[in-house]
Amino acid sequence: MSAKAYRRVRLAPALLLLASVSACGSFDGATARIASVVTPYKVDVVQGNFVSREQVEALQPGMGRQQVREILGTPLVSSLFHADRWEYVFTLQRPGQPVQSRKLTVFFRGEVLERYEGDDMPSESEFVASLETRKGQRKVPVLEASEEQLAKFPAPQEPAAAQEPGDASVAPAATPYPPLEARTR
């Protein structure tokens, strides 16, 4: 191999590297706009227990810990150092929307509910309505059929009475299998 050919072989990877590095800086405005349209899917992040206004209204001083747990669910935070209180924290983080965060603290005296305090909780229907993120409202279809529409679809026919045993149009009866308990090894 001549010295000139050797220099070309050594120079080729360097030129290739230089060309690829210069290509990285050639994004213009149009390319940036196209790249911004293609975005990854971002998931909703839900942490903790959602506590509704109806659940909070069901709490009564004097209830036991198990009763409170049945109404609100398992607390997100229950500390060994603060065994007399439970923390219910709910956080919902959705792309492009502010983070929703709510907190409810339940205080006990021994095994009995003493009091509770926290944020104003939404009702279940208010919370579900806040989850709707679609831009446009879809028209809800009518779920009732008129007599004309029902007439288009005939009612299913009752099975025919027992036909003659020699009739070829009758499908053979299914083979009955013995119950599993009857099988022996």
Protein backbone atom coordinates (compact mmCIF):
# COMPACT_ATOMS: atom_id res chain seq x y z
CA MET A 1 0.00 0.00 0.00
CA SER A 2 1.38 3.37 -0.96
CA ALA A 3 1.76 6.22 1.50
CA LYS A 4 -0.88 8.22 -0.34
CA ALA A 5 -3.47 5.41 -0.08
CA TYR A 6 -2.57 4.88 3.56
CA ARG A 7 -3.28 8.57 4.32
CA ARG A 8 -6.67 8.33 2.58
CA VAL A 9 -7.67 5.30 4.66
CA ARG A 10 -6.70 7.13 7.85
CA LEU A 11 -8.46 10.33 6.75
CA ALA A 12 -11.80 8.66 5.83
CA PRO A 13 -12.98 7.92 9.43
CA ALA A 14 -12.05 11.43 10.51
CA LEU A 15 -14.06 12.95 7.64
CA LEU A 16 -16.99 10.67 8.42
CA LEU A 17 -16.94 11.76 12.07
CA LEU A 18 -16.74 15.42 11.07
CA ALA A 19 -19.70 15.06 8.67
CA SER A 20 -21.89 13.38 11.29
CA VAL A 21 -21.08 16.00 13.93
CA SER A 22 -21.87 18.82 11.52
CA ALA A 23 -25.20 17.17 10.66
CA CYS A 24 -26.28 17.42 14.31
CA GLY A 25 -26.12 21.19 14.15
CA SER A 26 -28.14 21.51 10.95
CA PHE A 27 -31.61 21.39 12.53
CA ASP A 28 -33.47 24.36 11.15
CA GLY A 29 -36.85 25.71 12.20
CA ALA A 30 -38.88 23.34 10.02
CA THR A 31 -37.08 20.28 11.33
CA ALA A 32 -37.54 21.46 14.91
CA ARG A 33 -41.29 21.94 14.32
CA ILE A 34 -41.62 18.46 12.87
CA ALA A 35 -39.68 16.98 15.79
CA SER A 36 -41.90 18.84 18.29
CA VAL A 37 -45.06 17.33 16.77
CA VAL A 38 -43.83 13.81 17.42
CA THR A 39 -43.89 13.58 21.20
CA PRO A 40 -43.92 10.53 23.43
CA TYR A 41 -47.07 9.52 25.27
CA LYS A 42 -47.09 10.88 28.81
CA VAL A 43 -49.04 8.95 31.41
CA ASP A 44 -51.15 10.25 34.25
CA VAL A 45 -49.42 9.69 37.59
CA VAL A 46 -51.83 8.82 40.40
CA GLN A 47 -50.52 8.38 43.93
CA GLY A 48 -52.37 7.71 47.15
CA ASN A 49 -56.04 7.20 47.94
CA PHE A 50 -58.77 9.39 46.48
CA VAL A 51 -61.08 10.42 49.34
CA SER A 52 -64.43 11.91 48.35
CA ARG A 53 -66.61 14.37 50.22
CA GLU A 54 -69.15 11.58 50.76
CA GLN A 55 -66.53 9.45 52.50
CA VAL A 56 -65.48 12.32 54.79
CA GLU A 57 -69.12 13.03 55.67
CA ALA A 58 -69.53 9.37 56.70
CA LEU A 59 -66.84 9.75 59.40
CA GLN A 60 -68.19 10.20 62.94
CA PRO A 61 -66.20 10.77 66.13
CA GLY A 62 -66.23 7.60 68.21
CA MET A 63 -65.75 5.20 65.27
CA GLY A 64 -63.14 2.49 65.62
CA ARG A 65 -60.01 2.25 63.49
CA GLN A 66 -61.43 -0.63 61.46
CA GLN A 67 -64.59 1.34 60.66
CA VAL A 68 -62.49 4.30 59.47
CA ARG A 69 -60.37 1.95 57.36
CA GLU A 70 -63.52 0.48 55.78
CA ILE A 71 -64.73 3.96 54.80
CA LEU A 72 -61.46 5.58 53.68
CA GLY A 73 -59.25 2.62 52.82
CA THR A 74 -55.72 1.99 53.96
CA PRO A 75 -53.89 5.20 54.91
CA LEU A 76 -50.95 6.27 52.79
CA VAL A 77 -48.95 7.23 55.88
CA SER A 78 -49.22 5.70 59.33
CA SER A 79 -46.15 6.38 61.45
CA LEU A 80 -44.84 4.45 64.43
CA PHE A 81 -43.93 7.77 66.01
CA HIS A 82 -47.45 9.16 65.49
CA ALA A 83 -49.65 6.12 66.00
CA ASP A 84 -52.59 8.38 66.86
CA ARG A 85 -52.99 9.74 63.31
CA TRP A 86 -53.34 8.52 59.76
CA GLU A 87 -52.53 10.55 56.65
CA TYR A 88 -54.53 10.19 53.45
CA VAL A 89 -52.71 11.96 50.62
CA PHE A 90 -53.88 11.95 47.01
CA THR A 91 -51.88 13.37 44.10
CA LEU A 92 -52.84 13.36 40.42
CA GLN A 93 -50.30 14.61 37.89
CA ARG A 94 -51.49 14.91 34.30
CA PRO A 95 -49.48 16.21 31.35
CA GLY A 96 -50.24 19.83 30.57
CA GLN A 97 -52.37 20.37 33.70
CA PRO A 98 -51.61 21.58 37.22
CA VAL A 99 -50.99 18.88 39.82
CA GLN A 100 -54.01 18.04 41.97
CA SER A 101 -53.09 17.30 45.57
CA ARG A 102 -55.39 16.71 48.54
CA LYS A 103 -54.67 15.70 52.11
CA LEU A 104 -56.82 14.41 54.97
CA THR A 105 -55.50 13.68 58.47
CA VAL A 106 -57.48 11.45 60.81
CA PHE A 107 -56.71 11.67 64.56
CA PHE A 108 -57.40 8.89 67.04
CA ARG A 109 -57.48 8.73 70.82
CA GLY A 110 -56.54 5.15 71.55
CA GLU A 111 -58.61 3.03 69.14
CA VAL A 112 -61.39 5.62 68.65
CA LEU A 113 -61.69 8.40 66.05
CA GLU A 114 -61.35 11.77 67.74
CA ARG A 115 -61.36 14.23 64.78
CA TYR A 116 -60.22 14.78 61.23
CA GLU A 117 -58.95 17.76 59.26
CA GLY A 118 -57.76 18.45 55.77
CA ASP A 119 -58.52 19.95 52.40
CA ASP A 120 -62.01 20.38 50.99
CA MET A 121 -62.68 17.16 49.13
CA PRO A 122 -64.64 17.03 45.88
CA SER A 123 -67.67 14.81 45.53
CA GLU A 124 -67.23 11.68 43.43
CA SER A 125 -69.13 13.23 40.51
CA GLU A 126 -67.04 16.43 40.67
CA PHE A 127 -63.84 14.40 40.64
CA VAL A 128 -64.94 12.30 37.67
CA ALA A 129 -65.92 15.48 35.80
CA SER A 130 -62.45 16.93 36.45
CA LEU A 131 -60.88 13.89 34.77
CA GLU A 132 -62.47 14.71 31.40
CA THR A 133 -59.66 16.01 29.20
CA ARG A 134 -61.01 15.70 25.68
CA LYS A 135 -61.01 18.98 23.79
CA GLY A 136 -64.50 18.67 22.35
CA GLN A 137 -67.56 17.17 23.93
CA ARG A 138 -68.75 14.12 22.08
CA LYS A 139 -72.41 13.74 21.33
CA VAL A 140 -73.89 10.95 23.41
CA PRO A 141 -75.91 8.60 21.21
CA VAL A 142 -79.55 7.93 21.96
CA LEU A 143 -79.80 4.51 23.57
CA GLU A 144 -83.46 3.90 22.79
CA ALA A 145 -84.86 2.24 19.69
CA SER A 146 -88.18 3.14 18.10
CA GLU A 147 -90.75 0.50 17.15
CA GLU A 148 -89.74 0.92 13.48
CA GLN A 149 -86.09 0.24 14.29
CA LEU A 150 -87.00 -2.81 16.39
CA ALA A 151 -89.17 -4.19 13.58
CA LYS A 152 -86.08 -4.42 11.35
CA PHE A 153 -84.66 -7.13 13.61
CA PRO A 154 -86.92 -10.16 14.04
CA ALA A 155 -87.23 -11.70 17.48
CA PRO A 156 -85.35 -14.97 17.96
CA GLN A 157 -87.50 -18.04 17.28
CA GLU A 158 -88.32 -20.49 20.01
CA PRO A 159 -86.64 -23.88 19.50
CA ALA A 160 -88.91 -26.34 17.77
CA ALA A 161 -90.50 -29.12 19.80
CA ALA A 162 -88.79 -32.50 19.79
CA GLN A 163 -88.66 -33.72 16.22
CA GLU A 164 -88.90 -37.23 14.90
CA PRO A 165 -85.80 -39.38 15.65
CA GLY A 166 -85.27 -40.20 11.95
CA ASP A 167 -85.31 -36.52 10.88
CA ALA A 168 -82.01 -35.67 9.18
CA SER A 169 -82.30 -31.94 9.91
CA VAL A 170 -81.81 -32.50 13.65
CA ALA A 171 -78.23 -32.09 14.81
CA PRO A 172 -76.85 -34.89 16.93
CA ALA A 173 -77.10 -34.32 20.66
CA ALA A 174 -73.97 -33.22 22.44
CA THR A 175 -72.13 -35.93 24.30
CA PRO A 176 -72.66 -35.49 28.02
CA TYR A 177 -69.50 -35.71 30.07
CA PRO A 178 -69.48 -37.10 33.60
CA PRO A 179 -68.88 -34.60 36.40
CA LEU A 180 -65.26 -34.12 37.43
CA GLU A 181 -65.92 -35.61 40.86
CA ALA A 182 -66.92 -38.94 39.28
CA ARG A 183 -63.51 -39.47 37.65
CA THR A 184 -61.16 -41.91 39.32
CA ARG A 185 -57.56 -42.67 38.61
